[in-house]
Amino acid sequence: MSELFSTSERTSERIAPTATLHVDVIADLICPFCYLGKRRLDHAMRAVKGPSEVSWYPYQLNPEMPAEGMSFDEYLSRRFGNPASIQPVLDGLAAEGRRDDIGFRFDRLTHVPNTLPAHQVMHLAEVEGAAQSTLADALMQAFFEQGENIGETDVLVAVAGRYGLAADDVQRAVDDEQSRQIVLSREAQVRASGMVGVPGYLLNRRLLVVGAQSTETLINAFDRAMFGEGDDAIASPALH
């Protein structure tokens, strides 16, 4: 595994134009590390000159979250005890975000949603052939930068509507029990595979990258997934 963390220089030419890359992203839409990881993945994908595709798998950080969600302050208190103790972490995330063109505005967060409806809309995007990755970025931006409650259907309708999903379809997806069960089943599949944190990236179904890794590490991992031998994993303590 040590070579996966090599600091030697890699360039976009190292990714051959005839190689194929498939990325399965495992993420929650209210995970700040997932937002960082998403932007770094975008940067890394620009190094891939051949065909590539990205699919998204749901993961709920808070599967027991009430349907209506809870206040941000209550969430911090329950998860971390003294909310003031988490401020240095939030400040650090904001600094990291600026390096990846993310404007984290934790001061705007008043509510932490149940993300199951948002994952159902992500599933709708997949079914409809819409750009899942673009929608994921927009939902994370709405939450982390605008402070919007992405657990509310009207917010999901507004955001998804900008990417070609009709309001009626979004409403049906959120209300549909079959959609809900599909998302929960896919999440259960992810958890059964041993995932205990996000973000995660399964590359060509053979190499698992875990954590908000750097763009360079992701490019190295793409290289390994397309040209290397054997299964392996890159792990990081930076899990939410």
C-alpha atoms as a PDB file:
ATOM      1  CA  MET A   1       0.000   0.000   0.000  1.00  0.00           C
ATOM      2  CA  SER A   2       2.929   2.341   0.582  1.00  0.00           C
ATOM      3  CA  GLU A   3       3.293   3.153  -3.110  1.00  0.00           C
ATOM      4  CA  LEU A   4      -0.242   4.540  -3.125  1.00  0.00           C
ATOM      5  CA  PHE A   5       0.950   7.333  -0.869  1.00  0.00           C
ATOM      6  CA  SER A   6       4.024   8.097  -2.970  1.00  0.00           C
ATOM      7  CA  THR A   7       4.851  11.780  -3.226  1.00  0.00           C
ATOM      8  CA  SER A   8       6.489  11.325  -6.621  1.00  0.00           C
ATOM      9  CA  GLU A   9       5.134  13.518  -9.386  1.00  0.00           C
ATOM     10  CA  ARG A  10       2.248  12.243 -11.499  1.00  0.00           C
ATOM     11  CA  THR A  11       0.844  14.010 -14.530  1.00  0.00           C
ATOM     12  CA  SER A  12      -2.383  13.765 -16.480  1.00  0.00           C
ATOM     13  CA  GLU A  13      -0.491  11.971 -19.271  1.00  0.00           C
ATOM     14  CA  ARG A  14       0.009   9.019 -16.908  1.00  0.00           C
ATOM     15  CA  ILE A  15      -3.711   8.243 -17.308  1.00  0.00           C
ATOM     16  CA  ALA A  16      -3.852   6.589 -20.733  1.00  0.00           C
ATOM     17  CA  PRO A  17      -6.576   7.752 -23.125  1.00  0.00           C
ATOM     18  CA  THR A  18      -7.724   4.174 -23.720  1.00  0.00           C
ATOM     19  CA  ALA A  19      -8.191   3.334 -20.038  1.00  0.00           C
ATOM     20  CA  THR A  20     -11.671   3.176 -18.519  1.00  0.00           C
ATOM     21  CA  LEU A  21     -12.424   4.402 -15.020  1.00  0.00           C
ATOM     22  CA  HIS A  22     -15.606   3.796 -13.048  1.00  0.00           C
ATOM     23  CA  VAL A  23     -15.980   5.511  -9.684  1.00  0.00           C
ATOM     24  CA  ASP A  24     -18.630   4.518  -7.152  1.00  0.00           C
ATOM     25  CA  VAL A  25     -18.895   7.389  -4.668  1.00  0.00           C
ATOM     26  CA  ILE A  26     -20.216   6.623  -1.175  1.00  0.00           C
ATOM     27  CA  ALA A  27     -21.224   9.829   0.575  1.00  0.00           C
ATOM     28  CA  ASP A  28     -23.717  11.731   2.663  1.00  0.00           C
ATOM     29  CA  LEU A  29     -24.819  15.138   1.473  1.00  0.00           C
ATOM     30  CA  ILE A  30     -24.350  16.848   4.847  1.00  0.00           C
ATOM     31  CA  CYS A  31     -20.831  15.514   5.427  1.00  0.00           C
ATOM     32  CA  PRO A  32     -18.248  18.324   5.097  1.00  0.00           C
ATOM     33  CA  PHE A  33     -15.508  15.824   4.301  1.00  0.00           C
ATOM     34  CA  CYS A  34     -17.683  14.483   1.469  1.00  0.00           C
ATOM     35  CA  TYR A  35     -17.979  18.001   0.042  1.00  0.00           C
ATOM     36  CA  LEU A  36     -14.210  18.424   0.196  1.00  0.00           C
ATOM     37  CA  GLY A  37     -13.766  14.983  -1.326  1.00  0.00           C
ATOM     38  CA  LYS A  38     -16.246  15.753  -4.102  1.00  0.00           C
ATOM     39  CA  ARG A  39     -14.310  18.841  -5.199  1.00  0.00           C
ATOM     40  CA  ARG A  40     -11.006  16.965  -5.082  1.00  0.00           C
ATOM     41  CA  LEU A  41     -12.551  14.132  -7.080  1.00  0.00           C
ATOM     42  CA  ASP A  42     -13.654  16.668  -9.697  1.00  0.00           C
ATOM     43  CA  HIS A  43     -10.086  17.970  -9.963  1.00  0.00           C
ATOM     44  CA  ALA A  44      -8.677  14.443 -10.206  1.00  0.00           C
ATOM     45  CA  MET A  45     -11.166  13.364 -12.876  1.00  0.00           C
ATOM     46  CA  ARG A  46      -9.751  16.024 -15.179  1.00  0.00           C
ATOM     47  CA  ALA A  47      -6.607  13.873 -15.376  1.00  0.00           C
ATOM     48  CA  VAL A  48      -8.572  11.018 -16.930  1.00  0.00           C
ATOM     49  CA  LYS A  49      -8.340  11.292 -20.710  1.00  0.00           C
ATOM     50  CA  GLY A  50     -10.267   8.124 -21.530  1.00  0.00           C
ATOM     51  CA  PRO A  51     -13.886   7.142 -20.818  1.00  0.00           C
ATOM     52  CA  SER A  52     -15.077   7.475 -17.252  1.00  0.00           C
ATOM     53  CA  GLU A  53     -18.289   7.416 -15.278  1.00  0.00           C
ATOM     54  CA  VAL A  54     -19.286   8.212 -11.710  1.00  0.00           C
ATOM     55  CA  SER A  55     -22.128   6.616  -9.736  1.00  0.00           C
ATOM     56  CA  TRP A  56     -23.324   7.608  -6.279  1.00  0.00           C
ATOM     57  CA  TYR A  57     -24.275   5.359  -3.381  1.00  0.00           C
ATOM     58  CA  PRO A  58     -26.194   6.671  -0.363  1.00  0.00           C
ATOM     59  CA  TYR A  59     -24.839   6.752   3.167  1.00  0.00           C
ATOM     60  CA  GLN A  60     -26.583   8.408   6.102  1.00  0.00           C
ATOM     61  CA  LEU A  61     -24.334   9.728   8.839  1.00  0.00           C
ATOM     62  CA  ASN A  62     -27.371   9.867  11.093  1.00  0.00           C
ATOM     63  CA  PRO A  63     -29.722   7.021  10.105  1.00  0.00           C
ATOM     64  CA  GLU A  64     -31.726   7.524  13.314  1.00  0.00           C
ATOM     65  CA  MET A  65     -32.273  11.226  12.634  1.00  0.00           C
ATOM     66  CA  PRO A  66     -35.945  12.217  13.122  1.00  0.00           C
ATOM     67  CA  ALA A  67     -37.775  12.809   9.844  1.00  0.00           C
ATOM     68  CA  GLU A  68     -37.975  16.518  10.644  1.00  0.00           C
ATOM     69  CA  GLY A  69     -34.272  16.727  11.498  1.00  0.00           C
ATOM     70  CA  MET A  70     -33.058  18.816  14.420  1.00  0.00           C
ATOM     71  CA  SER A  71     -31.488  22.166  15.157  1.00  0.00           C
ATOM     72  CA  PHE A  72     -27.795  22.539  14.417  1.00  0.00           C
ATOM     73  CA  ASP A  73     -27.060  23.497  18.032  1.00  0.00           C
ATOM     74  CA  GLU A  74     -28.896  20.457  19.365  1.00  0.00           C
ATOM     75  CA  TYR A  75     -27.070  18.244  16.897  1.00  0.00           C
ATOM     76  CA  LEU A  76     -23.677  19.561  17.988  1.00  0.00           C
ATOM     77  CA  SER A  77     -24.601  19.143  21.653  1.00  0.00           C
ATOM     78  CA  ARG A  78     -25.707  15.549  21.176  1.00  0.00           C
ATOM     79  CA  ARG A  79     -22.753  14.585  19.044  1.00  0.00           C
ATOM     80  CA  PHE A  80     -19.917  16.506  20.655  1.00  0.00           C
ATOM     81  CA  GLY A  81     -21.146  17.546  24.096  1.00  0.00           C
ATOM     82  CA  ASN A  82     -19.947  21.125  24.338  1.00  0.00           C
ATOM     83  CA  PRO A  83     -20.621  22.806  20.964  1.00  0.00           C
ATOM     84  CA  ALA A  84     -17.783  25.268  21.600  1.00  0.00           C
ATOM     85  CA  SER A  85     -15.304  22.391  21.504  1.00  0.00           C
ATOM     86  CA  ILE A  86     -16.076  21.752  17.837  1.00  0.00           C
ATOM     87  CA  GLN A  87     -15.404  25.333  16.702  1.00  0.00           C
ATOM     88  CA  PRO A  88     -11.682  24.749  15.981  1.00  0.00           C
ATOM     89  CA  VAL A  89     -12.672  21.790  13.781  1.00  0.00           C
ATOM     90  CA  LEU A  90     -15.182  23.923  11.878  1.00  0.00           C
ATOM     91  CA  ASP A  91     -12.572  26.655  11.455  1.00  0.00           C
ATOM     92  CA  GLY A  92     -10.126  24.088  10.085  1.00  0.00           C
ATOM     93  CA  LEU A  93     -12.709  22.753   7.650  1.00  0.00           C
ATOM     94  CA  ALA A  94     -13.455  26.286   6.469  1.00  0.00           C
ATOM     95  CA  ALA A  95      -9.749  26.849   5.799  1.00  0.00           C
ATOM     96  CA  GLU A  96      -9.494  23.576   3.879  1.00  0.00           C
ATOM     97  CA  GLY A  97     -12.600  24.459   1.930  1.00  0.00           C
ATOM     98  CA  ARG A  98     -11.155  27.744   0.735  1.00  0.00           C
ATOM     99  CA  ARG A  99      -8.307  25.824  -0.881  1.00  0.00           C
ATOM    100  CA  ASP A 100     -10.871  23.810  -2.861  1.00  0.00           C
ATOM    101  CA  ASP A 101     -13.152  26.726  -3.789  1.00  0.00           C
ATOM    102  CA  ILE A 102     -15.699  25.835  -1.112  1.00  0.00           C
ATOM    103  CA  GLY A 103     -17.151  28.618   0.990  1.00  0.00           C
ATOM    104  CA  PHE A 104     -18.234  26.771   4.126  1.00  0.00           C
ATOM    105  CA  ARG A 105     -20.619  28.979   6.121  1.00  0.00           C
ATOM    106  CA  PHE A 106     -21.239  27.053   9.313  1.00  0.00           C
ATOM    107  CA  ASP A 107     -22.627  30.247  10.813  1.00  0.00           C
ATOM    108  CA  ARG A 108     -25.595  29.922   8.456  1.00  0.00           C
ATOM    109  CA  LEU A 109     -26.476  26.399   9.561  1.00  0.00           C
ATOM    110  CA  THR A 110     -29.537  26.365  11.784  1.00  0.00           C
ATOM    111  CA  HIS A 111     -30.897  22.910  10.979  1.00  0.00           C
ATOM    112  CA  VAL A 112     -29.493  19.431  10.334  1.00  0.00           C
ATOM    113  CA  PRO A 113     -31.828  17.437   8.080  1.00  0.00           C
ATOM    114  CA  ASN A 114     -32.661  13.803   7.688  1.00  0.00           C
ATOM    115  CA  THR A 115     -30.928  13.175   4.354  1.00  0.00           C
ATOM    116  CA  LEU A 116     -33.005  10.221   3.166  1.00  0.00           C
ATOM    117  CA  PRO A 117     -35.227  12.431   0.942  1.00  0.00           C
ATOM    118  CA  ALA A 118     -32.150  14.021  -0.641  1.00  0.00           C
ATOM    119  CA  HIS A 119     -30.730  10.567  -1.372  1.00  0.00           C
ATOM    120  CA  GLN A 120     -34.059   9.636  -2.958  1.00  0.00           C
ATOM    121  CA  VAL A 121     -33.724  12.631  -5.267  1.00  0.00           C
ATOM    122  CA  MET A 122     -30.169  11.532  -6.095  1.00  0.00           C
ATOM    123  CA  HIS A 123     -31.612   8.131  -7.039  1.00  0.00           C
ATOM    124  CA  LEU A 124     -34.188   9.879  -9.238  1.00  0.00           C
ATOM    125  CA  ALA A 125     -31.348  11.698 -11.000  1.00  0.00           C
ATOM    126  CA  GLU A 126     -29.699   8.353 -11.725  1.00  0.00           C
ATOM    127  CA  VAL A 127     -32.942   6.879 -13.092  1.00  0.00           C
ATOM    128  CA  GLU A 128     -33.611   9.947 -15.242  1.00  0.00           C
ATOM    129  CA  GLY A 129     -30.065  10.082 -16.573  1.00  0.00           C
ATOM    130  CA  ALA A 130     -29.394  13.452 -14.959  1.00  0.00           C
ATOM    131  CA  ALA A 131     -25.942  14.470 -13.766  1.00  0.00           C
ATOM    132  CA  GLN A 132     -25.762  12.977 -10.279  1.00  0.00           C
ATOM    133  CA  SER A 133     -22.398  14.520  -9.484  1.00  0.00           C
ATOM    134  CA  THR A 134     -23.550  17.997 -10.447  1.00  0.00           C
ATOM    135  CA  LEU A 135     -26.707  17.601  -8.370  1.00  0.00           C
ATOM    136  CA  ALA A 136     -24.707  16.314  -5.395  1.00  0.00           C
ATOM    137  CA  ASP A 137     -22.447  19.352  -5.578  1.00  0.00           C
ATOM    138  CA  ALA A 138     -25.463  21.669  -5.743  1.00  0.00           C
ATOM    139  CA  LEU A 139     -27.144  20.033  -2.744  1.00  0.00           C
ATOM    140  CA  MET A 140     -23.962  20.229  -0.666  1.00  0.00           C
ATOM    141  CA  GLN A 141     -23.488  23.838  -1.691  1.00  0.00           C
ATOM    142  CA  ALA A 142     -27.081  24.661  -0.743  1.00  0.00           C
ATOM    143  CA  PHE A 143     -26.549  23.166   2.700  1.00  0.00           C
ATOM    144  CA  PHE A 144     -23.003  24.214   3.556  1.00  0.00           C
ATOM    145  CA  GLU A 145     -22.831  27.595   1.821  1.00  0.00           C
ATOM    146  CA  GLN A 146     -26.413  28.873   1.816  1.00  0.00           C
ATOM    147  CA  GLY A 147     -27.569  27.162   5.004  1.00  0.00           C
ATOM    148  CA  GLU A 148     -30.638  25.689   3.292  1.00  0.00           C
ATOM    149  CA  ASN A 149     -32.537  22.734   4.737  1.00  0.00           C
ATOM    150  CA  ILE A 150     -32.068  20.041   2.090  1.00  0.00           C
ATOM    151  CA  GLY A 151     -34.459  17.805   3.993  1.00  0.00           C
ATOM    152  CA  GLU A 152     -37.371  19.986   2.877  1.00  0.00           C
ATOM    153  CA  THR A 153     -39.122  18.995  -0.329  1.00  0.00           C
ATOM    154  CA  ASP A 154     -39.450  22.551  -1.635  1.00  0.00           C
ATOM    155  CA  VAL A 155     -35.687  23.035  -1.327  1.00  0.00           C
ATOM    156  CA  LEU A 156     -35.049  19.731  -3.117  1.00  0.00           C
ATOM    157  CA  VAL A 157     -37.496  20.723  -5.863  1.00  0.00           C
ATOM    158  CA  ALA A 158     -35.762  24.078  -6.334  1.00  0.00           C
ATOM    159  CA  VAL A 159     -32.236  22.664  -6.442  1.00  0.00           C
ATOM    160  CA  ALA A 160     -33.068  19.619  -8.581  1.00  0.00           C
ATOM    161  CA  GLY A 161     -35.137  21.747 -10.939  1.00  0.00           C
ATOM    162  CA  ARG A 162     -32.003  23.596 -11.989  1.00  0.00           C
ATOM    163  CA  TYR A 163     -30.650  20.303 -13.347  1.00  0.00           C
ATOM    164  CA  GLY A 164     -33.623  19.164 -15.379  1.00  0.00           C
ATOM    165  CA  LEU A 165     -35.686  17.268 -12.806  1.00  0.00           C
ATOM    166  CA  ALA A 166     -39.369  18.178 -12.874  1.00  0.00           C
ATOM    167  CA  ALA A 167     -40.993  19.335  -9.645  1.00  0.00           C
ATOM    168  CA  ASP A 168     -43.692  16.650  -9.808  1.00  0.00           C
ATOM    169  CA  ASP A 169     -41.073  13.934 -10.294  1.00  0.00           C
ATOM    170  CA  VAL A 170     -39.062  15.170  -7.323  1.00  0.00           C
ATOM    171  CA  GLN A 171     -42.177  15.286  -5.151  1.00  0.00           C
ATOM    172  CA  ARG A 172     -43.125  11.735  -6.175  1.00  0.00           C
ATOM    173  CA  ALA A 173     -39.595  10.472  -5.554  1.00  0.00           C
ATOM    174  CA  VAL A 174     -39.601  11.891  -2.023  1.00  0.00           C
ATOM    175  CA  ASP A 175     -43.056  10.464  -1.260  1.00  0.00           C
ATOM    176  CA  ASP A 176     -42.563   7.089  -2.959  1.00  0.00           C
ATOM    177  CA  GLU A 177     -42.078   4.125  -0.615  1.00  0.00           C
ATOM    178  CA  GLN A 178     -40.379   2.062  -3.321  1.00  0.00           C
ATOM    179  CA  SER A 179     -37.816   4.822  -3.852  1.00  0.00           C
ATOM    180  CA  ARG A 180     -37.236   4.948  -0.112  1.00  0.00           C
ATOM    181  CA  GLN A 181     -36.678   1.195   0.085  1.00  0.00           C
ATOM    182  CA  ILE A 182     -34.304   1.199  -2.883  1.00  0.00           C
ATOM    183  CA  VAL A 183     -32.155   3.859  -1.229  1.00  0.00           C
ATOM    184  CA  LEU A 184     -32.191   2.056   2.124  1.00  0.00           C
ATOM    185  CA  SER A 185     -31.301  -1.220   0.402  1.00  0.00           C
ATOM    186  CA  ARG A 186     -28.354   0.359  -1.387  1.00  0.00           C
ATOM    187  CA  GLU A 187     -27.160   1.911   1.850  1.00  0.00           C
ATOM    188  CA  ALA A 188     -27.447  -1.459   3.603  1.00  0.00           C
ATOM    189  CA  GLN A 189     -25.341  -2.961   0.825  1.00  0.00           C
ATOM    190  CA  VAL A 190     -22.664  -0.337   1.447  1.00  0.00           C
ATOM    191  CA  ARG A 191     -22.667  -0.900   5.208  1.00  0.00           C
ATOM    192  CA  ALA A 192     -22.563  -4.686   4.748  1.00  0.00           C
ATOM    193  CA  SER A 193     -19.386  -4.257   2.704  1.00  0.00           C
ATOM    194  CA  GLY A 194     -17.674  -2.845   5.804  1.00  0.00           C
ATOM    195  CA  MET A 195     -17.877   0.909   5.173  1.00  0.00           C
ATOM    196  CA  VAL A 196     -17.939   2.727   8.510  1.00  0.00           C
ATOM    197  CA  GLY A 197     -17.366   6.287   7.356  1.00  0.00           C
ATOM    198  CA  VAL A 198     -17.464   8.548   4.344  1.00  0.00           C
ATOM    199  CA  PRO A 199     -16.449   9.646   1.812  1.00  0.00           C
ATOM    200  CA  GLY A 200     -15.474   6.458   0.032  1.00  0.00           C
ATOM    201  CA  TYR A 201     -14.572   5.818  -3.597  1.00  0.00           C
ATOM    202  CA  LEU A 202     -14.618   2.360  -5.145  1.00  0.00           C
ATOM    203  CA  LEU A 203     -12.510   2.479  -8.291  1.00  0.00           C
ATOM    204  CA  ASN A 204     -13.248  -0.051 -11.018  1.00  0.00           C
ATOM    205  CA  ARG A 205     -14.753  -2.278  -8.308  1.00  0.00           C
ATOM    206  CA  ARG A 206     -11.268  -3.241  -7.146  1.00  0.00           C
ATOM    207  CA  LEU A 207      -9.649  -0.401  -5.196  1.00  0.00           C
ATOM    208  CA  LEU A 208     -11.312   1.387  -2.288  1.00  0.00           C
ATOM    209  CA  VAL A 209     -10.228   4.898  -1.345  1.00  0.00           C
ATOM    210  CA  VAL A 210     -11.541   6.122   2.012  1.00  0.00           C
ATOM    211  CA  GLY A 211     -11.497   9.673   3.329  1.00  0.00           C
ATOM    212  CA  ALA A 212     -11.178  13.164   1.848  1.00  0.00           C
ATOM    213  CA  GLN A 213      -7.917  12.375   0.105  1.00  0.00           C
ATOM    214  CA  SER A 214      -5.890  14.898  -1.848  1.00  0.00           C
ATOM    215  CA  THR A 215      -6.288  15.275  -5.594  1.00  0.00           C
ATOM    216  CA  GLU A 216      -2.825  13.820  -6.098  1.00  0.00           C
ATOM    217  CA  THR A 217      -3.629  10.732  -4.029  1.00  0.00           C
ATOM    218  CA  LEU A 218      -6.814  10.207  -6.044  1.00  0.00           C
ATOM    219  CA  ILE A 219      -4.896  10.439  -9.326  1.00  0.00           C
ATOM    220  CA  ASN A 220      -2.408   7.883  -8.016  1.00  0.00           C
ATOM    221  CA  ALA A 221      -5.329   5.647  -7.034  1.00  0.00           C
ATOM    222  CA  PHE A 222      -6.906   5.985 -10.495  1.00  0.00           C
ATOM    223  CA  ASP A 223      -3.582   4.881 -11.941  1.00  0.00           C
ATOM    224  CA  ARG A 224      -3.492   1.854  -9.654  1.00  0.00           C
ATOM    225  CA  ALA A 225      -7.121   0.917 -10.328  1.00  0.00           C
ATOM    226  CA  MET A 226      -6.669   1.030 -14.099  1.00  0.00           C
ATOM    227  CA  PHE A 227      -3.168  -0.385 -14.459  1.00  0.00           C
ATOM    228  CA  GLY A 228      -2.132  -1.946 -11.138  1.00  0.00           C
ATOM    229  CA  GLU A 229      -2.459  -5.482  -9.887  1.00  0.00           C
ATOM    230  CA  GLY A 230      -4.507  -6.825  -7.007  1.00  0.00           C
ATOM    231  CA  ASP A 231      -7.079  -5.315  -4.703  1.00  0.00           C
ATOM    232  CA  ASP A 232      -6.068  -2.769  -2.113  1.00  0.00           C
ATOM    233  CA  ALA A 233      -7.355   0.150  -0.120  1.00  0.00           C
ATOM    234  CA  ILE A 234      -6.333   3.641   0.833  1.00  0.00           C
ATOM    235  CA  ALA A 235      -7.583   4.583   4.269  1.00  0.00           C
ATOM    236  CA  SER A 236      -7.635   7.894   6.053  1.00  0.00           C
ATOM    237  CA  PRO A 237      -8.477   8.905   9.626  1.00  0.00           C
ATOM    238  CA  ALA A 238     -10.281  11.959   8.200  1.00  0.00           C
ATOM    239  CA  LEU A 239     -13.702  10.339   8.266  1.00  0.00           C
ATOM    240  CA  HIS A 240     -16.885  12.024   9.382  1.00  0.00           C
END
